[in-house]
C-alpha atoms as a PDB file:
ATOM      1  CA  MET A   1     -59.038  33.409  -4.513  1.00  0.00           C
ATOM      2  CA  THR A   2     -57.455  32.872  -1.116  1.00  0.00           C
ATOM      3  CA  VAL A   3     -59.114  34.019   2.142  1.00  0.00           C
ATOM      4  CA  ASP A   4     -57.166  35.638   4.932  1.00  0.00           C
ATOM      5  CA  PRO A   5     -57.392  33.450   7.987  1.00  0.00           C
ATOM      6  CA  ILE A   6     -57.332  36.316  10.114  1.00  0.00           C
ATOM      7  CA  ALA A   7     -59.977  38.051   8.444  1.00  0.00           C
ATOM      8  CA  ARG A   8     -62.041  34.773   8.842  1.00  0.00           C
ATOM      9  CA  VAL A   9     -61.439  34.602  12.506  1.00  0.00           C
ATOM     10  CA  ARG A  10     -62.368  38.355  13.094  1.00  0.00           C
ATOM     11  CA  ARG A  11     -65.719  37.978  11.283  1.00  0.00           C
ATOM     12  CA  PRO A  12     -68.368  37.424  13.772  1.00  0.00           C
ATOM     13  CA  ARG A  13     -70.829  34.529  12.892  1.00  0.00           C
ATOM     14  CA  GLY A  14     -73.074  35.342  15.741  1.00  0.00           C
ATOM     15  CA  VAL A  15     -73.779  37.176  19.079  1.00  0.00           C
ATOM     16  CA  PRO A  16     -72.795  34.775  22.084  1.00  0.00           C
ATOM     17  CA  LEU A  17     -75.774  34.474  24.288  1.00  0.00           C
ATOM     18  CA  ALA A  18     -73.607  34.892  27.221  1.00  0.00           C
ATOM     19  CA  LEU A  19     -72.867  38.500  26.064  1.00  0.00           C
ATOM     20  CA  LEU A  20     -76.325  39.159  24.505  1.00  0.00           C
ATOM     21  CA  VAL A  21     -78.259  38.642  27.728  1.00  0.00           C
ATOM     22  CA  PRO A  22     -76.268  40.979  30.004  1.00  0.00           C
ATOM     23  CA  ALA A  23     -76.121  43.461  27.265  1.00  0.00           C
ATOM     24  CA  LEU A  24     -79.975  43.657  27.009  1.00  0.00           C
ATOM     25  CA  LEU A  25     -80.317  43.754  30.644  1.00  0.00           C
ATOM     26  CA  GLY A  26     -77.822  46.802  30.676  1.00  0.00           C
ATOM     27  CA  LEU A  27     -79.707  48.582  28.022  1.00  0.00           C
ATOM     28  CA  ALA A  28     -82.996  47.969  29.880  1.00  0.00           C
ATOM     29  CA  PHE A  29     -81.377  49.276  33.209  1.00  0.00           C
ATOM     30  CA  MET A  30     -80.389  52.299  31.328  1.00  0.00           C
ATOM     31  CA  THR A  31     -83.476  53.136  29.498  1.00  0.00           C
ATOM     32  CA  LEU A  32     -86.433  51.767  31.869  1.00  0.00           C
ATOM     33  CA  PRO A  33     -86.055  54.687  34.208  1.00  0.00           C
ATOM     34  CA  MET A  34     -86.248  57.202  31.590  1.00  0.00           C
ATOM     35  CA  VAL A  35     -89.263  55.480  30.168  1.00  0.00           C
ATOM     36  CA  GLY A  36     -90.834  55.265  33.453  1.00  0.00           C
ATOM     37  CA  LEU A  37     -90.324  58.862  34.000  1.00  0.00           C
ATOM     38  CA  LEU A  38     -92.155  59.701  30.675  1.00  0.00           C
ATOM     39  CA  LEU A  39     -95.005  57.217  31.396  1.00  0.00           C
ATOM     40  CA  ARG A  40     -95.632  58.954  34.688  1.00  0.00           C
ATOM     41  CA  ALA A  41     -95.332  62.380  33.419  1.00  0.00           C
ATOM     42  CA  PRO A  42     -98.718  64.530  33.637  1.00  0.00           C
ATOM     43  CA  TRP A  43     -98.912  65.316  29.996  1.00  0.00           C
ATOM     44  CA  ARG A  44    -102.535  66.750  30.298  1.00  0.00           C
ATOM     45  CA  THR A  45    -101.590  69.159  33.036  1.00  0.00           C
ATOM     46  CA  MET A  46     -98.048  69.860  31.782  1.00  0.00           C
ATOM     47  CA  PRO A  47     -98.778  73.250  30.239  1.00  0.00           C
ATOM     48  CA  ARG A  48    -100.349  74.551  33.547  1.00  0.00           C
ATOM     49  CA  ARG A  49     -97.619  73.123  35.610  1.00  0.00           C
ATOM     50  CA  LEU A  50     -95.029  74.838  33.383  1.00  0.00           C
ATOM     51  CA  ALA A  51     -96.805  78.246  33.943  1.00  0.00           C
ATOM     52  CA  GLU A  52     -96.541  77.900  37.717  1.00  0.00           C
ATOM     53  CA  PRO A  53     -94.387  80.573  39.310  1.00  0.00           C
ATOM     54  CA  GLU A  54     -92.144  78.254  41.164  1.00  0.00           C
ATOM     55  CA  VAL A  55     -91.425  76.168  38.061  1.00  0.00           C
ATOM     56  CA  LEU A  56     -90.842  79.231  35.897  1.00  0.00           C
ATOM     57  CA  ASP A  57     -88.305  80.770  38.467  1.00  0.00           C
ATOM     58  CA  ALA A  58     -86.492  77.612  38.609  1.00  0.00           C
ATOM     59  CA  LEU A  59     -86.310  77.309  34.843  1.00  0.00           C
ATOM     60  CA  TRP A  60     -85.319  80.901  34.309  1.00  0.00           C
ATOM     61  CA  LEU A  61     -82.619  80.859  37.181  1.00  0.00           C
ATOM     62  CA  SER A  62     -81.280  77.648  35.914  1.00  0.00           C
ATOM     63  CA  ALA A  63     -80.936  79.043  32.197  1.00  0.00           C
ATOM     64  CA  VAL A  64     -79.241  82.335  33.417  1.00  0.00           C
ATOM     65  CA  THR A  65     -76.945  80.837  35.777  1.00  0.00           C
ATOM     66  CA  ALA A  66     -75.840  78.028  33.459  1.00  0.00           C
ATOM     67  CA  THR A  67     -75.229  80.458  30.698  1.00  0.00           C
ATOM     68  CA  ALA A  68     -73.280  82.615  32.912  1.00  0.00           C
ATOM     69  CA  ALA A  69     -71.174  79.731  34.097  1.00  0.00           C
ATOM     70  CA  THR A  70     -70.417  78.741  30.668  1.00  0.00           C
ATOM     71  CA  GLY A  71     -69.371  82.264  29.820  1.00  0.00           C
ATOM     72  CA  LEU A  72     -67.051  82.151  32.900  1.00  0.00           C
ATOM     73  CA  CYS A  73     -65.755  78.672  31.645  1.00  0.00           C
ATOM     74  CA  LEU A  74     -65.167  79.951  28.122  1.00  0.00           C
ATOM     75  CA  LEU A  75     -63.229  82.889  29.601  1.00  0.00           C
ATOM     76  CA  LEU A  76     -60.861  80.874  31.716  1.00  0.00           C
ATOM     77  CA  GLY A  77     -61.260  77.449  30.008  1.00  0.00           C
ATOM     78  CA  LEU A  78     -60.120  78.426  26.541  1.00  0.00           C
ATOM     79  CA  PRO A  79     -56.612  79.907  27.647  1.00  0.00           C
ATOM     80  CA  LEU A  80     -56.046  76.859  29.828  1.00  0.00           C
ATOM     81  CA  ALA A  81     -56.915  74.506  27.169  1.00  0.00           C
ATOM     82  CA  TRP A  82     -54.524  76.394  24.796  1.00  0.00           C
ATOM     83  CA  LEU A  83     -51.680  76.188  27.510  1.00  0.00           C
ATOM     84  CA  LEU A  84     -52.201  72.351  27.921  1.00  0.00           C
ATOM     85  CA  ALA A  85     -52.304  71.716  24.290  1.00  0.00           C
ATOM     86  CA  ARG A  86     -49.722  74.199  22.693  1.00  0.00           C
ATOM     87  CA  VAL A  87     -47.035  74.817  25.477  1.00  0.00           C
ATOM     88  CA  GLU A  88     -44.652  72.261  26.609  1.00  0.00           C
ATOM     89  CA  PHE A  89     -43.850  72.879  30.333  1.00  0.00           C
ATOM     90  CA  ARG A  90     -42.718  70.860  33.422  1.00  0.00           C
ATOM     91  CA  GLY A  91     -45.842  69.546  35.453  1.00  0.00           C
ATOM     92  CA  ARG A  92     -48.293  69.702  32.433  1.00  0.00           C
ATOM     93  CA  GLY A  93     -49.566  66.327  33.377  1.00  0.00           C
ATOM     94  CA  LEU A  94     -50.251  67.302  36.834  1.00  0.00           C
ATOM     95  CA  VAL A  95     -52.098  70.395  35.581  1.00  0.00           C
ATOM     96  CA  ARG A  96     -54.300  68.261  33.358  1.00  0.00           C
ATOM     97  CA  ALA A  97     -54.870  65.870  36.244  1.00  0.00           C
ATOM     98  CA  LEU A  98     -55.908  68.734  38.612  1.00  0.00           C
ATOM     99  CA  VAL A  99     -58.253  70.132  35.739  1.00  0.00           C
ATOM    100  CA  THR A 100     -60.025  66.943  35.501  1.00  0.00           C
ATOM    101  CA  VAL A 101     -60.389  66.357  39.282  1.00  0.00           C
ATOM    102  CA  PRO A 102     -64.176  67.900  39.198  1.00  0.00           C
ATOM    103  CA  LEU A 103     -65.083  65.067  36.972  1.00  0.00           C
ATOM    104  CA  VAL A 104     -64.530  62.503  39.765  1.00  0.00           C
ATOM    105  CA  LEU A 105     -64.844  64.579  42.866  1.00  0.00           C
ATOM    106  CA  PRO A 106     -68.267  64.214  44.587  1.00  0.00           C
ATOM    107  CA  PRO A 107     -70.033  67.329  44.040  1.00  0.00           C
ATOM    108  CA  VAL A 108     -70.887  67.816  47.678  1.00  0.00           C
ATOM    109  CA  VAL A 109     -67.149  67.739  48.296  1.00  0.00           C
ATOM    110  CA  GLY A 110     -66.811  70.335  45.726  1.00  0.00           C
ATOM    111  CA  GLY A 111     -69.160  72.561  47.481  1.00  0.00           C
ATOM    112  CA  VAL A 112     -67.530  72.131  50.655  1.00  0.00           C
ATOM    113  CA  ALA A 113     -64.162  73.123  49.173  1.00  0.00           C
ATOM    114  CA  LEU A 114     -65.720  76.057  47.492  1.00  0.00           C
ATOM    115  CA  LEU A 115     -67.010  77.248  50.937  1.00  0.00           C
ATOM    116  CA  LEU A 116     -63.535  76.898  52.426  1.00  0.00           C
ATOM    117  CA  VAL A 117     -62.025  79.094  49.594  1.00  0.00           C
ATOM    118  CA  PHE A 118     -64.782  81.508  48.824  1.00  0.00           C
ATOM    119  CA  GLY A 119     -66.833  81.487  51.928  1.00  0.00           C
ATOM    120  CA  ARG A 120     -66.772  84.704  54.426  1.00  0.00           C
ATOM    121  CA  ASN A 121     -63.807  82.964  56.300  1.00  0.00           C
ATOM    122  CA  GLY A 122     -62.296  81.457  53.400  1.00  0.00           C
ATOM    123  CA  ILE A 123     -58.879  82.283  51.796  1.00  0.00           C
ATOM    124  CA  VAL A 124     -60.449  84.140  48.773  1.00  0.00           C
ATOM    125  CA  GLY A 125     -63.759  84.876  50.409  1.00  0.00           C
ATOM    126  CA  SER A 126     -62.433  87.057  53.388  1.00  0.00           C
ATOM    127  CA  LEU A 127     -60.318  89.288  51.173  1.00  0.00           C
ATOM    128  CA  LEU A 128     -63.743  89.764  48.796  1.00  0.00           C
ATOM    129  CA  ALA A 129     -65.872  90.593  52.012  1.00  0.00           C
ATOM    130  CA  GLU A 130     -63.237  92.890  53.312  1.00  0.00           C
ATOM    131  CA  THR A 131     -62.239  94.793  50.348  1.00  0.00           C
ATOM    132  CA  LEU A 132     -65.140  94.801  48.114  1.00  0.00           C
ATOM    133  CA  GLY A 133     -68.101  93.742  50.396  1.00  0.00           C
ATOM    134  CA  VAL A 134     -68.864  90.831  48.183  1.00  0.00           C
ATOM    135  CA  THR A 135     -70.033  87.429  49.540  1.00  0.00           C
ATOM    136  CA  LEU A 136     -70.457  84.546  47.134  1.00  0.00           C
ATOM    137  CA  PRO A 137     -71.951  81.761  49.383  1.00  0.00           C
ATOM    138  CA  PHE A 138     -75.758  81.374  49.194  1.00  0.00           C
ATOM    139  CA  SER A 139     -76.176  83.911  46.417  1.00  0.00           C
ATOM    140  CA  THR A 140     -76.810  83.767  42.791  1.00  0.00           C
ATOM    141  CA  ALA A 141     -73.230  84.453  41.928  1.00  0.00           C
ATOM    142  CA  GLY A 142     -72.482  81.597  44.031  1.00  0.00           C
ATOM    143  CA  VAL A 143     -74.648  79.288  42.021  1.00  0.00           C
ATOM    144  CA  VAL A 144     -72.695  80.445  38.898  1.00  0.00           C
ATOM    145  CA  LEU A 145     -69.409  79.631  40.686  1.00  0.00           C
ATOM    146  CA  ALA A 146     -70.610  76.171  41.710  1.00  0.00           C
ATOM    147  CA  MET A 147     -71.766  75.407  38.211  1.00  0.00           C
ATOM    148  CA  ALA A 148     -68.485  76.730  36.542  1.00  0.00           C
ATOM    149  CA  PHE A 149     -66.336  74.624  38.962  1.00  0.00           C
ATOM    150  CA  VAL A 150     -68.075  71.241  38.152  1.00  0.00           C
ATOM    151  CA  SER A 151     -68.388  71.898  34.319  1.00  0.00           C
ATOM    152  CA  MET A 152     -65.236  73.459  33.157  1.00  0.00           C
ATOM    153  CA  PRO A 153     -63.448  70.270  32.800  1.00  0.00           C
ATOM    154  CA  PHE A 154     -65.842  69.336  29.976  1.00  0.00           C
ATOM    155  CA  LEU A 155     -65.004  72.496  28.084  1.00  0.00           C
ATOM    156  CA  VAL A 156     -61.202  72.075  28.654  1.00  0.00           C
ATOM    157  CA  ILE A 157     -60.975  68.570  27.555  1.00  0.00           C
ATOM    158  CA  ALA A 158     -62.987  69.149  24.472  1.00  0.00           C
ATOM    159  CA  VAL A 159     -61.135  72.341  23.420  1.00  0.00           C
ATOM    160  CA  GLU A 160     -57.664  70.785  24.131  1.00  0.00           C
ATOM    161  CA  GLY A 161     -58.640  67.701  22.033  1.00  0.00           C
ATOM    162  CA  ALA A 162     -59.678  69.936  19.169  1.00  0.00           C
ATOM    163  CA  LEU A 163     -56.339  71.970  19.413  1.00  0.00           C
ATOM    164  CA  ARG A 164     -54.312  68.897  19.385  1.00  0.00           C
ATOM    165  CA  GLY A 165     -56.235  67.623  16.241  1.00  0.00           C
ATOM    166  CA  ALA A 166     -55.808  70.968  14.346  1.00  0.00           C
ATOM    167  CA  ASP A 167     -53.164  71.350  11.679  1.00  0.00           C
ATOM    168  CA  ALA A 168     -50.651  73.810  13.130  1.00  0.00           C
ATOM    169  CA  ARG A 169     -49.278  74.655   9.824  1.00  0.00           C
ATOM    170  CA  TYR A 170     -51.993  77.223   9.497  1.00  0.00           C
ATOM    171  CA  GLU A 171     -50.779  79.004  12.347  1.00  0.00           C
ATOM    172  CA  GLU A 172     -47.076  78.706  11.364  1.00  0.00           C
ATOM    173  CA  ALA A 173     -47.921  80.212   7.855  1.00  0.00           C
ATOM    174  CA  ALA A 174     -49.831  83.077   9.527  1.00  0.00           C
ATOM    175  CA  ALA A 175     -46.871  83.664  11.866  1.00  0.00           C
ATOM    176  CA  THR A 176     -44.412  83.506   8.862  1.00  0.00           C
ATOM    177  CA  LEU A 177     -46.522  86.169   7.189  1.00  0.00           C
ATOM    178  CA  GLY A 178     -45.943  88.480   9.979  1.00  0.00           C
ATOM    179  CA  ALA A 179     -49.116  87.985  12.158  1.00  0.00           C
ATOM    180  CA  GLY A 180     -48.738  88.493  15.792  1.00  0.00           C
ATOM    181  CA  ARG A 181     -49.472  85.737  18.363  1.00  0.00           C
ATOM    182  CA  TRP A 182     -52.909  87.387  19.321  1.00  0.00           C
ATOM    183  CA  THR A 183     -53.899  87.877  15.612  1.00  0.00           C
ATOM    184  CA  VAL A 184     -52.878  84.116  14.927  1.00  0.00           C
ATOM    185  CA  PHE A 185     -54.872  82.945  17.961  1.00  0.00           C
ATOM    186  CA  THR A 186     -58.102  84.950  16.986  1.00  0.00           C
ATOM    187  CA  HIS A 187     -58.029  84.723  13.357  1.00  0.00           C
ATOM    188  CA  VAL A 188     -56.577  81.306  12.664  1.00  0.00           C
ATOM    189  CA  THR A 189     -56.595  79.072  15.910  1.00  0.00           C
ATOM    190  CA  LEU A 190     -60.177  79.996  17.194  1.00  0.00           C
ATOM    191  CA  PRO A 191     -61.873  79.381  13.723  1.00  0.00           C
ATOM    192  CA  LEU A 192     -59.896  76.007  13.308  1.00  0.00           C
ATOM    193  CA  VAL A 193     -61.205  74.639  16.657  1.00  0.00           C
ATOM    194  CA  ALA A 194     -64.577  76.478  16.501  1.00  0.00           C
ATOM    195  CA  PRO A 195     -66.551  73.147  16.408  1.00  0.00           C
ATOM    196  CA  GLY A 196     -64.752  71.741  19.314  1.00  0.00           C
ATOM    197  CA  ILE A 197     -65.285  75.075  21.256  1.00  0.00           C
ATOM    198  CA  ALA A 198     -68.945  74.740  20.405  1.00  0.00           C
ATOM    199  CA  ALA A 199     -69.172  71.153  21.420  1.00  0.00           C
ATOM    200  CA  GLY A 200     -67.459  71.832  24.669  1.00  0.00           C
ATOM    201  CA  ALA A 201     -69.608  74.753  25.477  1.00  0.00           C
ATOM    202  CA  VAL A 202     -72.900  72.914  24.892  1.00  0.00           C
ATOM    203  CA  LEU A 203     -71.548  70.086  27.249  1.00  0.00           C
ATOM    204  CA  CYS A 204     -70.348  72.538  29.746  1.00  0.00           C
ATOM    205  CA  TRP A 205     -73.977  74.179  29.685  1.00  0.00           C
ATOM    206  CA  ALA A 206     -75.749  70.930  29.837  1.00  0.00           C
ATOM    207  CA  ARG A 207     -73.684  69.738  32.925  1.00  0.00           C
ATOM    208  CA  ALA A 208     -74.052  73.226  34.635  1.00  0.00           C
ATOM    209  CA  LEU A 209     -77.857  73.029  34.094  1.00  0.00           C
ATOM    210  CA  GLY A 210     -78.084  69.698  35.769  1.00  0.00           C
ATOM    211  CA  GLU A 211     -75.691  70.627  38.815  1.00  0.00           C
ATOM    212  CA  PHE A 212     -77.121  69.824  42.446  1.00  0.00           C
ATOM    213  CA  GLY A 213     -74.416  68.864  45.042  1.00  0.00           C
ATOM    214  CA  ALA A 214     -72.070  71.653  44.671  1.00  0.00           C
ATOM    215  CA  THR A 215     -74.905  74.301  44.315  1.00  0.00           C
ATOM    216  CA  ILE A 216     -76.940  73.222  47.452  1.00  0.00           C
ATOM    217  CA  THR A 217     -73.790  72.963  49.531  1.00  0.00           C
ATOM    218  CA  PHE A 218     -72.328  76.311  48.422  1.00  0.00           C
ATOM    219  CA  ALA A 219     -75.183  78.458  47.449  1.00  0.00           C
ATOM    220  CA  GLY A 220     -78.226  76.745  49.412  1.00  0.00           C
ATOM    221  CA  ASN A 221     -81.845  76.252  48.196  1.00  0.00           C
ATOM    222  CA  PHE A 222     -83.553  79.589  48.346  1.00  0.00           C
ATOM    223  CA  PRO A 223     -86.454  80.038  45.756  1.00  0.00           C
ATOM    224  CA  GLY A 224     -85.830  82.610  43.318  1.00  0.00           C
ATOM    225  CA  ARG A 225     -82.293  83.217  44.112  1.00  0.00           C
ATOM    226  CA  THR A 226     -80.531  79.883  44.339  1.00  0.00           C
ATOM    227  CA  GLN A 227     -83.117  77.205  43.621  1.00  0.00           C
ATOM    228  CA  THR A 228     -82.171  75.916  40.100  1.00  0.00           C
ATOM    229  CA  MET A 229     -84.143  73.120  38.601  1.00  0.00           C
ATOM    230  CA  PRO A 230     -82.289  70.087  40.241  1.00  0.00           C
ATOM    231  CA  LEU A 231     -82.768  71.772  43.546  1.00  0.00           C
ATOM    232  CA  ALA A 232     -86.409  72.460  42.762  1.00  0.00           C
ATOM    233  CA  VAL A 233     -86.916  68.772  41.754  1.00  0.00           C
ATOM    234  CA  TYR A 234     -85.340  67.673  45.074  1.00  0.00           C
ATOM    235  CA  LEU A 235     -87.640  70.013  47.152  1.00  0.00           C
ATOM    236  CA  ALA A 236     -90.755  69.096  44.927  1.00  0.00           C
ATOM    237  CA  LEU A 237     -90.232  65.324  45.812  1.00  0.00           C
ATOM    238  CA  GLU A 238     -91.469  65.844  49.228  1.00  0.00           C
ATOM    239  CA  THR A 239     -94.578  67.945  48.643  1.00  0.00           C
ATOM    240  CA  ASP A 240     -95.569  67.790  44.797  1.00  0.00           C
ATOM    241  CA  LEU A 241     -94.581  64.679  42.999  1.00  0.00           C
ATOM    242  CA  GLU A 242     -96.171  65.908  39.598  1.00  0.00           C
ATOM    243  CA  ALA A 243     -93.897  69.131  39.894  1.00  0.00           C
ATOM    244  CA  ALA A 244     -90.743  67.039  40.336  1.00  0.00           C
ATOM    245  CA  ILE A 245     -91.750  64.921  37.462  1.00  0.00           C
ATOM    246  CA  VAL A 246     -92.378  67.884  35.282  1.00  0.00           C
ATOM    247  CA  LEU A 247     -89.038  69.458  36.091  1.00  0.00           C
ATOM    248  CA  SER A 248     -87.311  65.980  35.602  1.00  0.00           C
ATOM    249  CA  VAL A 249     -88.869  65.675  32.156  1.00  0.00           C
ATOM    250  CA  ILE A 250     -87.428  69.203  31.124  1.00  0.00           C
ATOM    251  CA  LEU A 251     -83.906  68.225  32.244  1.00  0.00           C
ATOM    252  CA  LEU A 252     -84.307  64.842  30.392  1.00  0.00           C
ATOM    253  CA  ALA A 253     -85.411  66.745  27.137  1.00  0.00           C
ATOM    254  CA  VAL A 254     -82.464  69.070  27.289  1.00  0.00           C
ATOM    255  CA  SER A 255     -79.961  65.933  28.024  1.00  0.00           C
ATOM    256  CA  VAL A 256     -81.400  64.309  24.793  1.00  0.00           C
ATOM    257  CA  THR A 257     -81.321  67.493  22.783  1.00  0.00           C
ATOM    258  CA  VAL A 258     -77.591  67.861  23.704  1.00  0.00           C
ATOM    259  CA  LEU A 259     -76.858  64.239  22.522  1.00  0.00           C
ATOM    260  CA  ALA A 260     -78.757  64.977  19.506  1.00  0.00           C
ATOM    261  CA  CYS A 261     -76.794  68.103  18.545  1.00  0.00           C
ATOM    262  CA  LEU A 262     -73.254  66.174  19.369  1.00  0.00           C
ATOM    263  CA  ARG A 263     -74.375  62.816  18.007  1.00  0.00           C
ATOM    264  CA  GLU A 264     -71.760  62.978  15.149  1.00  0.00           C
ATOM    265  CA  ARG A 265     -68.982  63.950  17.519  1.00  0.00           C
ATOM    266  CA  TRP A 266     -69.573  61.956  20.577  1.00  0.00           C
ATOM    267  CA  THR A 267     -72.078  59.092  19.712  1.00  0.00           C
ATOM    268  CA  ALA A 268     -71.184  58.036  16.294  1.00  0.00           C
ATOM    269  CA  ALA A 269     -69.540  54.636  15.763  1.00  0.00           C
ATOM    270  CA  PRO A 270     -66.295  54.567  14.116  1.00  0.00           C
END
C-alpha cells in the first residue's frame, strides 16, 4: 500500500511553538476582557439594578428601536439583496460596494452624514420639515434611522448570499407553470431563502442593539427618548460604574445568544 506523498506533507505532526504562543495570546486578548466583565458584575444586586427606571427605559427603548430598525431593513434590504443577486446591470459592483460602506465607515461619520441629509437643513430633512412638519434628528425615529443605516449591510449581505446559493430551477419551474413574478417571489423565492433572511435579520437586530456612534451623533442622548443601552453605558461610566457593568453584561449576553443561534451558519468549522 502506497502513501500519497502530498497527503503525508499536509498531515500536521504538531503545532509549531512559534504559532501556538501568539495564538493563545490572541485568544486571551479576546476573552479576558469579557471574563473580567463577568467577574466584576454585581450579581447579588443584579435584580435590583435591572428594576431601576433608567435601566428599564434604556432596555425597552433599545429593544423597540432595534426591532423597528430591523423591520425597516427588511422592507428596504430584501428588494435590494434580490436586485444584487438576480439582476445583471451595469454598475452592480459599485452598488454592492456602496451597500457595504457602513461596515467600514466610522459610526460617528455615519451620524454626521445622516445629519447633513436628514437634519432640519439637510437635503431630505428640510423637505420633511416644510411639507410634513417632521424632524428626525434627536428623536426616537432618528434612533431607528441611525440603527438601520449601520445594520442594513448585514441583512443585505446575508440575503444576497442565500439568494445566490438557492436553486433557481424552482423559480423557473413556477414561472413555467404560469406563476407571476410576485407569486414566484413570495411563494418560491422567500421560502427558499428563509434561513438566510432569518440569519440576516438576527445579525441586523444585534448590530442595531449595540449601535452607539451614529445614534449619539444623529439622535443625541436623551433619557427615555433616544438613550439606548450603549448610550446609557457611556453615561453611567461617569456616575455609576455598577449600572454600566449591568448594561454591558446584558449586551454581552445578547451577543452570545446571537452567536449561539447562528453557530451552524457562521461559526461551524468546514
